[in-house]
Amino acid sequence: MTLKLRSVLVFSLTLIGFSPAVFAHPGHGLEGNLLTGLLHPLTGLDHLLAMLAVGMYAAQRGDRSLWAVPAMFVSCAGLGAALAMTGFALPLLETGIAASVLVFGLLLCLGARLALPGGIALAAGFALFHGFAHGAAAPAGAGLSYALGFLTATALLHAGGIALASLLRAPRLLRMAGGAIAAVGVLLLAA
């Protein structure tokens, strides 16, 4: 087993270990803490796929995108959560989240290499929707530890996407993965 494959397997098993199914029953004392925040991005396929796709796109694009696109996503997700927690209203929330899955899936599928500012702008815009959803779903009394949790999970999912892209080094495999992600985005938009 190669080191890359082993790394992806360890990362995947780590995510499974943090699975919400582990805490499927109430009374675990997770209301609004770091672990709740860590788990939240893993509870929805839309968030999970979008964040993995952002990492995969950043790896596909290469150069400064490798850190700039995920860093902008994490930063703007924090801003989106702050807006939600202050009572700001963001229209078309679920549409924006579903569109992020479709768009980043299409970028991967088509092998598109947007200019760095374009990739950063897409990441920033879509991150506002994801962050807003995380902030709006925050348990009552959730604070900084919850936000730190979901922002950490977001960054780890981006890193997982980067690792997955390096594992699927063949452009054809990366494009196939992007096509599958885009197809889920279409289904999410249609729902």
Protein backbone atom coordinates (compact mmCIF):
# COMPACT_ATOMS: atom_id res chain seq x y z
CA MET A 1 0.00 0.00 0.00
CA THR A 2 1.46 3.35 -1.01
CA LEU A 3 2.01 6.17 1.44
CA LYS A 4 -0.59 8.33 -0.35
CA LEU A 5 -3.23 5.63 -0.22
CA ARG A 6 -2.44 4.98 3.44
CA SER A 7 -2.77 8.72 4.18
CA VAL A 8 -6.17 8.91 2.50
CA LEU A 9 -7.36 5.82 4.38
CA VAL A 10 -6.21 7.22 7.73
CA PHE A 11 -7.94 10.53 6.96
CA SER A 12 -11.15 8.71 5.96
CA LEU A 13 -11.14 6.57 9.09
CA THR A 14 -10.57 9.67 11.18
CA LEU A 15 -13.64 11.29 9.62
CA ILE A 16 -15.67 8.16 10.30
CA GLY A 17 -14.53 8.30 13.91
CA PHE A 18 -15.98 11.80 14.17
CA SER A 19 -19.18 10.65 12.49
CA PRO A 20 -22.42 12.02 13.95
CA ALA A 21 -23.73 8.44 14.04
CA VAL A 22 -21.33 7.83 16.92
CA PHE A 23 -23.33 10.40 18.90
CA ALA A 24 -26.78 9.51 17.54
CA HIS A 25 -28.44 9.64 20.95
CA PRO A 26 -28.90 12.71 23.15
CA GLY A 27 -27.06 13.30 26.37
CA HIS A 28 -23.48 13.37 25.18
CA GLY A 29 -22.98 16.96 26.35
CA LEU A 30 -22.08 18.19 22.87
CA GLU A 31 -24.33 21.22 22.75
CA GLY A 32 -22.42 24.03 21.06
CA ASN A 33 -18.86 22.93 21.79
CA LEU A 34 -15.80 22.26 19.65
CA LEU A 35 -16.81 18.68 18.82
CA THR A 36 -20.28 19.78 17.69
CA GLY A 37 -18.63 22.28 15.37
CA LEU A 38 -16.21 19.65 14.06
CA LEU A 39 -19.09 17.30 13.29
CA HIS A 40 -21.39 19.79 11.62
CA PRO A 41 -19.75 19.95 8.16
CA LEU A 42 -19.75 16.15 8.08
CA THR A 43 -23.51 15.85 8.56
CA GLY A 44 -24.56 17.02 5.11
CA LEU A 45 -23.52 15.59 1.77
CA ASP A 46 -23.72 19.05 0.22
CA HIS A 47 -21.19 20.54 2.65
CA LEU A 48 -18.95 17.49 2.53
CA LEU A 49 -18.78 17.35 -1.28
CA ALA A 50 -18.35 21.09 -1.72
CA MET A 51 -15.46 21.29 0.72
CA LEU A 52 -13.73 18.24 -0.73
CA ALA A 53 -14.25 19.66 -4.23
CA VAL A 54 -12.70 23.00 -3.21
CA GLY A 55 -9.58 21.16 -2.06
CA MET A 56 -9.53 19.03 -5.18
CA TYR A 57 -9.92 22.11 -7.39
CA ALA A 58 -7.12 23.90 -5.55
CA ALA A 59 -4.85 20.90 -6.11
CA GLN A 60 -5.88 20.64 -9.76
CA ARG A 61 -5.18 24.33 -10.26
CA GLY A 62 -1.88 24.16 -8.38
CA ASP A 63 0.46 27.09 -7.68
CA ARG A 64 -0.79 29.61 -5.11
CA SER A 65 -4.34 28.27 -5.47
CA LEU A 66 -3.29 25.30 -3.38
CA TRP A 67 -3.39 27.42 -0.23
CA ALA A 68 -5.19 30.63 -1.33
CA VAL A 69 -8.50 29.08 -2.43
CA PRO A 70 -9.02 26.95 0.71
CA ALA A 71 -7.82 29.79 2.97
CA MET A 72 -10.32 32.19 1.41
CA PHE A 73 -13.08 29.60 1.76
CA VAL A 74 -12.37 29.09 5.46
CA SER A 75 -12.15 32.85 6.09
CA CYS A 76 -15.40 33.65 4.33
CA ALA A 77 -17.17 30.68 5.96
CA GLY A 78 -16.31 32.31 9.29
CA LEU A 79 -17.75 35.60 8.03
CA GLY A 80 -20.91 33.84 6.86
CA ALA A 81 -21.35 32.20 10.27
CA ALA A 82 -20.90 35.54 12.00
CA LEU A 83 -23.59 37.07 9.76
CA ALA A 84 -26.00 34.24 10.62
CA MET A 85 -25.33 34.51 14.34
CA THR A 86 -26.08 38.24 14.27
CA GLY A 87 -29.48 37.67 12.67
CA PHE A 88 -28.60 38.74 9.12
CA ALA A 89 -30.79 37.14 6.44
CA LEU A 90 -29.18 35.47 3.42
CA PRO A 91 -31.58 34.65 0.60
CA LEU A 92 -31.32 31.49 -1.50
CA LEU A 93 -29.19 29.75 1.10
CA GLU A 94 -29.77 26.16 -0.01
CA THR A 95 -29.55 27.15 -3.68
CA GLY A 96 -26.15 28.76 -3.07
CA ILE A 97 -24.89 25.66 -1.29
CA ALA A 98 -26.16 23.32 -4.03
CA ALA A 99 -24.70 25.60 -6.70
CA SER A 100 -21.30 25.39 -5.02
CA VAL A 101 -21.35 21.60 -5.35
CA LEU A 102 -22.31 21.88 -9.03
CA VAL A 103 -19.83 24.62 -9.93
CA PHE A 104 -16.79 23.13 -8.21
CA GLY A 105 -17.74 19.71 -9.60
CA LEU A 106 -17.91 21.20 -13.10
CA LEU A 107 -14.56 22.95 -12.66
CA LEU A 108 -13.02 19.59 -11.83
CA CYS A 109 -14.88 17.72 -14.55
CA LEU A 110 -13.85 20.21 -17.24
CA GLY A 111 -10.31 20.55 -15.93
CA ALA A 112 -10.90 24.31 -15.78
CA ARG A 113 -8.07 26.52 -14.55
CA LEU A 114 -9.62 29.85 -13.66
CA ALA A 115 -7.25 32.72 -13.03
CA LEU A 116 -6.34 32.85 -9.34
CA PRO A 117 -8.64 35.83 -8.58
CA GLY A 118 -11.56 33.99 -10.18
CA GLY A 119 -11.01 30.85 -8.11
CA ILE A 120 -10.65 32.90 -4.96
CA ALA A 121 -13.82 34.87 -5.74
CA LEU A 122 -15.82 31.67 -6.28
CA ALA A 123 -14.51 30.20 -3.05
CA ALA A 124 -15.35 33.40 -1.15
CA GLY A 125 -18.88 33.67 -2.49
CA PHE A 126 -19.84 30.06 -1.95
CA ALA A 127 -18.16 29.97 1.46
CA LEU A 128 -20.51 32.68 2.69
CA PHE A 129 -23.44 30.33 2.03
CA HIS A 130 -21.79 27.36 3.74
CA GLY A 131 -20.64 29.40 6.72
CA PHE A 132 -24.04 31.03 7.03
CA ALA A 133 -25.69 27.60 7.13
CA HIS A 134 -23.28 26.44 9.84
CA GLY A 135 -23.86 29.61 11.86
CA ALA A 136 -27.64 29.40 11.46
CA ALA A 137 -27.58 25.77 12.65
CA ALA A 138 -25.47 26.56 15.70
CA PRO A 139 -26.98 25.27 18.92
CA ALA A 140 -28.25 27.88 21.36
CA GLY A 141 -25.35 29.34 23.29
CA ALA A 142 -22.76 28.11 20.81
CA GLY A 143 -19.75 30.34 20.74
CA LEU A 144 -16.22 30.54 19.54
CA SER A 145 -15.43 26.88 20.21
CA TYR A 146 -18.28 25.76 17.89
CA ALA A 147 -17.06 28.12 15.16
CA LEU A 148 -13.49 26.94 15.62
CA GLY A 149 -14.75 23.37 15.29
CA PHE A 150 -16.58 23.78 11.99
CA LEU A 151 -13.80 25.95 10.55
CA THR A 152 -11.25 23.29 11.48
CA ALA A 153 -13.41 20.58 9.91
CA THR A 154 -13.74 22.73 6.79
CA ALA A 155 -9.97 23.10 6.53
CA LEU A 156 -9.49 19.36 7.10
CA LEU A 157 -12.00 18.57 4.36
CA HIS A 158 -10.12 20.88 2.00
CA ALA A 159 -6.91 19.04 2.93
CA GLY A 160 -8.71 15.76 2.28
CA GLY A 161 -9.70 17.04 -1.16
CA ILE A 162 -6.10 17.99 -1.87
CA ALA A 163 -4.97 14.51 -0.77
CA LEU A 164 -7.67 12.87 -2.87
CA ALA A 165 -6.65 14.90 -5.93
CA SER A 166 -3.05 13.79 -5.52
CA LEU A 167 -4.24 10.20 -5.19
CA LEU A 168 -6.35 10.56 -8.36
CA ARG A 169 -3.35 12.04 -10.13
CA ALA A 170 -4.57 10.98 -13.58
CA PRO A 171 -6.57 13.90 -15.02
CA ARG A 172 -9.19 11.46 -16.28
CA LEU A 173 -9.88 10.17 -12.74
CA LEU A 174 -10.07 13.68 -11.32
CA ARG A 175 -12.49 14.66 -14.08
CA MET A 176 -14.64 11.61 -13.39
CA ALA A 177 -14.77 12.51 -9.69
CA GLY A 178 -15.71 16.06 -10.65
CA GLY A 179 -18.46 14.75 -12.90
CA ALA A 180 -19.89 12.71 -10.04
CA ILE A 181 -19.79 15.73 -7.72
CA ALA A 182 -21.44 17.92 -10.39
CA ALA A 183 -24.18 15.30 -10.85
CA VAL A 184 -24.94 15.43 -7.13
CA GLY A 185 -25.02 19.24 -7.43
CA VAL A 186 -27.66 18.96 -10.17
CA LEU A 187 -29.74 16.64 -7.96
CA LEU A 188 -29.40 19.05 -5.02
CA LEU A 189 -30.54 21.97 -7.16
CA ALA A 190 -33.49 19.98 -8.45
CA ALA A 191 -34.60 18.95 -4.95
